Each structure stands twice: as structure tokens, then as C-alpha cells.
Amino acid sequence: MRQEVLLALLAKEPSQGYQLRARLNDALGSFGAELNDGQIYVPLGRLQRAGLVTADGSRSRERADRKVYSLTAAGQSRVGEWLSEVSWPKPDVAEFHLKLIAAATAGLADPVAIIDAQRRELLRLLREAQDAAMAEVEGSSASLLLEGIALRLQADVRWLEACEGAWSKPRNKGSTS
């Protein structure tokens, strides 16, 4: 869990760790169920040590053992910086393509068979994402997240089809790309 996500949630209002987890569970739908306490409380401790949040004893009489986390001025600044950052995973050589090249070069496996196995796995993951999306409320944060996952998986399947086409063609001796 990126620490900035917790900072952004705290920008709305001071909260206890379990409240942050509940908000994430609601926003992430089926993905929120995968969160564990360590993904919330460990980053909160780091944020506190870094001076981005403060932790005070609970304001609740029934749960005096709970800390209420609040954003500091430095935490508020970090949230603003994070939200203004333009980021996306850097495009690079896919590890899978390197596997194909290595398998073909060493004569260890048929690259097309490797592609076929990978495609089956991606299609399984795509079905899971689509099933999960159907269980979410249309237009919710969770459904948009699942739509993004499904679209990336579909793009990966199309890329595998391009790889299969390239690897199925007769190759010049010594060519591995």
C-alpha cells in the first residue's frame, strides 16, 4: 500500500487505522478484502516517524486504546505533491519476451507453447476480473479499477497473439527476435 493513499484519506479527516481500512474496503470492493492490518498500521507508523502524521489517543470513550491519526502540514504538502505527479509504469522489455528468447535460443522449449500457456493464464485472470466487475456497482471506484485491470489483460492477450504470429513464422538461423 502506498503511504500517500493513507495520507490522502487522512486529508479528509483524522481517523483511526480501522476506519481507514474500512474506507479502503468500501472503495476497492472485492480488492479491499485482500487488505490486512499490516498494510495499514505499518505504513501509518512509518508516516508518523517521518513527521507526516501525528497519532493521538482515541477521542472515543469506548475504544481508548485506539490512536487517531491526523495529517501534519508536511503530510498535507506530500499529498499535494503526490496528486500532482504524473506517473505510469515505465514501458520496458517484458520479462515474458525475454523468457521466450531464452527458451528459443537455448532450445529448451517451444516459444509458441509458452505463449499458449501464458495466454490461457491471462484469459483465466480476465474472466476473474470480469466476474468481479459484474458483482460491483456500476460506476463505483471498484468497478473502474476492475475495468482497468480487464483492459490491461485484454491488451496483454493481444500482445501474446502478436508474439505467437512472430514466433510461428520461419526464422533465419541464429535469429532469436
Protein backbone atom coordinates (compact mmCIF):
# COMPACT_ATOMS: atom_id res chain seq x y z
CA MET A 1 0.00 0.00 0.00
CA ARG A 2 1.43 3.36 -0.99
CA GLN A 3 1.76 5.60 2.02
CA GLU A 4 0.35 8.50 0.03
CA VAL A 5 -3.01 6.71 -0.23
CA LEU A 6 -3.29 6.78 3.55
CA LEU A 7 -2.19 10.42 3.64
CA ALA A 8 -4.89 11.29 1.10
CA LEU A 9 -7.54 9.52 3.18
CA LEU A 10 -6.37 11.38 6.27
CA ALA A 11 -6.61 14.69 4.39
CA LYS A 12 -10.38 14.34 4.60
CA GLU A 13 -10.47 13.86 8.36
CA PRO A 14 -8.43 12.44 11.24
CA SER A 15 -9.11 8.72 11.51
CA GLN A 16 -8.27 5.55 13.34
CA GLY A 17 -6.50 2.79 11.44
CA TYR A 18 -9.55 0.56 11.31
CA GLN A 19 -11.58 3.47 9.84
CA LEU A 20 -9.00 3.91 7.07
CA ARG A 21 -9.15 0.20 6.33
CA ALA A 22 -12.96 0.29 6.19
CA ARG A 23 -12.91 3.23 3.74
CA LEU A 24 -10.43 1.40 1.53
CA ASN A 25 -12.52 -1.77 1.70
CA ASP A 26 -15.58 0.19 0.59
CA ALA A 27 -13.73 1.96 -2.22
CA LEU A 28 -11.88 -1.10 -3.51
CA GLY A 29 -14.77 -3.57 -3.35
CA SER A 30 -13.50 -7.13 -3.71
CA PHE A 31 -9.88 -5.92 -3.76
CA GLY A 32 -10.35 -4.32 -0.35
CA ALA A 33 -10.97 -7.72 1.21
CA GLU A 34 -7.34 -8.58 0.46
CA LEU A 35 -6.05 -5.79 2.73
CA ASN A 36 -4.61 -6.82 6.06
CA ASP A 37 -3.94 -4.76 9.18
CA GLY A 38 -0.21 -4.64 8.47
CA GLN A 39 -0.86 -2.84 5.19
CA ILE A 40 -2.48 -0.04 7.18
CA TYR A 41 -0.69 0.12 10.53
CA VAL A 42 2.90 -0.42 9.35
CA PRO A 43 2.74 2.50 6.88
CA LEU A 44 0.97 4.65 9.50
CA GLY A 45 3.89 4.03 11.87
CA ARG A 46 6.36 5.00 9.15
CA LEU A 47 4.38 8.11 8.33
CA GLN A 48 4.35 9.07 11.99
CA ARG A 49 8.14 8.60 12.30
CA ALA A 50 8.61 10.68 9.15
CA GLY A 51 6.56 13.51 10.67
CA LEU A 52 3.79 13.30 8.06
CA VAL A 53 1.09 12.25 10.56
CA THR A 54 0.56 12.54 14.28
CA ALA A 55 -1.15 9.94 16.45
CA ASP A 56 -3.19 10.90 19.47
CA GLY A 57 -5.10 8.75 21.93
CA SER A 58 -8.62 7.90 20.86
CA ARG A 59 -11.32 10.51 21.10
CA SER A 60 -13.73 7.66 21.62
CA ARG A 61 -14.59 6.60 25.16
CA GLU A 62 -15.45 3.05 24.16
CA ARG A 63 -12.08 2.46 22.42
CA ALA A 64 -9.50 4.40 24.41
CA ASP A 65 -6.73 2.08 23.11
CA ARG A 66 -7.15 3.31 19.51
CA LYS A 67 -4.98 6.04 18.03
CA VAL A 68 -6.42 8.79 15.90
CA TYR A 69 -4.09 9.74 13.06
CA SER A 70 -4.01 13.29 11.70
CA LEU A 71 -2.11 14.86 8.85
CA THR A 72 0.68 17.30 9.65
CA ALA A 73 1.49 20.28 7.43
CA ALA A 74 4.29 18.19 5.89
CA GLY A 75 1.81 15.36 5.27
CA GLN A 76 -0.63 17.73 3.61
CA SER A 77 2.20 19.01 1.41
CA ARG A 78 3.19 15.44 0.46
CA VAL A 79 -0.41 14.63 -0.54
CA GLY A 80 -0.47 17.69 -2.80
CA GLU A 81 2.84 16.70 -4.40
CA TRP A 82 1.69 13.11 -4.93
CA LEU A 83 -1.60 14.15 -6.52
CA SER A 84 0.19 16.48 -8.92
CA GLU A 85 2.73 13.84 -10.00
CA VAL A 86 2.17 12.36 -13.44
CA SER A 87 3.23 8.74 -13.28
CA TRP A 88 2.65 5.49 -15.08
CA PRO A 89 4.66 2.28 -15.13
CA LYS A 90 7.67 2.77 -17.37
CA PRO A 91 7.41 0.80 -20.60
CA ASP A 92 10.26 -1.67 -20.83
CA VAL A 93 11.22 -5.05 -22.19
CA ALA A 94 8.72 -7.57 -20.87
CA GLU A 95 10.22 -10.37 -18.80
CA PHE A 96 7.96 -12.73 -20.67
CA HIS A 97 9.53 -11.80 -24.02
CA LEU A 98 12.98 -12.39 -22.51
CA LYS A 99 11.77 -15.83 -21.41
CA LEU A 100 10.72 -16.60 -24.98
CA ILE A 101 14.08 -15.52 -26.36
CA ALA A 102 16.00 -17.51 -23.75
CA ALA A 103 13.89 -20.66 -24.27
CA ALA A 104 14.24 -20.48 -28.05
CA THR A 105 17.95 -19.65 -28.01
CA ALA A 106 18.79 -22.46 -25.61
CA GLY A 107 16.40 -24.87 -27.34
CA LEU A 108 14.72 -25.58 -24.01
CA ALA A 109 11.10 -25.12 -25.07
CA ASP A 110 8.85 -24.17 -27.95
CA PRO A 111 8.12 -20.44 -27.63
CA VAL A 112 4.64 -20.91 -29.12
CA ALA A 113 3.79 -23.46 -26.39
CA ILE A 114 4.99 -20.97 -23.75
CA ILE A 115 2.83 -18.28 -25.36
CA ASP A 116 -0.18 -20.60 -25.37
CA ALA A 117 0.22 -21.42 -21.67
CA GLN A 118 0.59 -17.72 -20.81
CA ARG A 119 -2.50 -16.83 -22.87
CA ARG A 120 -4.57 -19.44 -21.01
CA GLU A 121 -3.50 -17.91 -17.69
CA LEU A 122 -4.26 -14.36 -18.85
CA LEU A 123 -7.70 -15.45 -20.09
CA ARG A 124 -8.38 -17.06 -16.70
CA LEU A 125 -7.38 -13.82 -14.94
CA LEU A 126 -9.52 -11.83 -17.36
CA ARG A 127 -12.58 -13.99 -16.59
CA GLU A 128 -11.98 -13.46 -12.86
CA ALA A 129 -11.71 -9.69 -13.31
CA GLN A 130 -14.85 -9.59 -15.45
CA ASP A 131 -16.79 -11.72 -12.93
CA ALA A 132 -15.65 -9.47 -10.09
CA ALA A 133 -16.62 -6.36 -12.09
CA MET A 134 -20.11 -7.72 -12.63
CA ALA A 135 -20.51 -8.07 -8.86
CA GLU A 136 -19.68 -4.39 -8.28
CA VAL A 137 -21.98 -1.39 -8.50
CA GLU A 138 -21.66 0.14 -11.98
CA GLY A 139 -19.55 3.31 -11.90
CA SER A 140 -18.11 2.61 -8.46
CA SER A 141 -14.40 3.03 -7.74
CA ALA A 142 -14.03 -0.74 -7.57
CA SER A 143 -15.76 -1.29 -10.93
CA LEU A 144 -13.49 1.28 -12.58
CA LEU A 145 -10.43 -0.41 -11.07
CA LEU A 146 -11.61 -3.77 -12.37
CA GLU A 147 -12.33 -2.30 -15.81
CA GLY A 148 -8.74 -1.03 -15.95
CA ILE A 149 -7.42 -4.44 -14.97
CA ALA A 150 -9.57 -6.15 -17.62
CA LEU A 151 -8.45 -3.72 -20.32
CA ARG A 152 -4.76 -4.27 -19.46
CA LEU A 153 -5.29 -8.04 -19.55
CA GLN A 154 -7.02 -7.77 -22.92
CA ALA A 155 -4.09 -5.74 -24.25
CA ASP A 156 -1.67 -8.39 -22.93
CA VAL A 157 -3.67 -11.13 -24.70
CA ARG A 158 -3.48 -9.15 -27.96
CA TRP A 159 0.27 -8.74 -27.46
CA LEU A 160 0.61 -12.52 -26.96
CA GLU A 161 -1.25 -13.04 -30.23
CA ALA A 162 1.29 -10.77 -31.94
CA CYS A 163 4.12 -12.73 -30.29
CA GLU A 164 2.60 -16.00 -31.47
CA GLY A 165 2.37 -14.67 -35.00
CA ALA A 166 6.01 -13.59 -34.93
CA TRP A 167 7.28 -16.81 -33.31
CA SER A 168 5.24 -19.00 -35.65
CA LYS A 169 6.97 -17.62 -38.74
CA PRO A 170 10.01 -19.49 -40.02
CA ARG A 171 13.14 -17.96 -38.55
CA ASN A 172 16.51 -17.28 -40.06
CA LYS A 173 19.19 -19.43 -38.47
CA GLY A 174 20.60 -17.59 -35.47
CA SER A 175 17.64 -15.17 -35.21
CA THR A 176 16.01 -15.05 -31.76
CA SER A 177 13.85 -11.95 -32.00
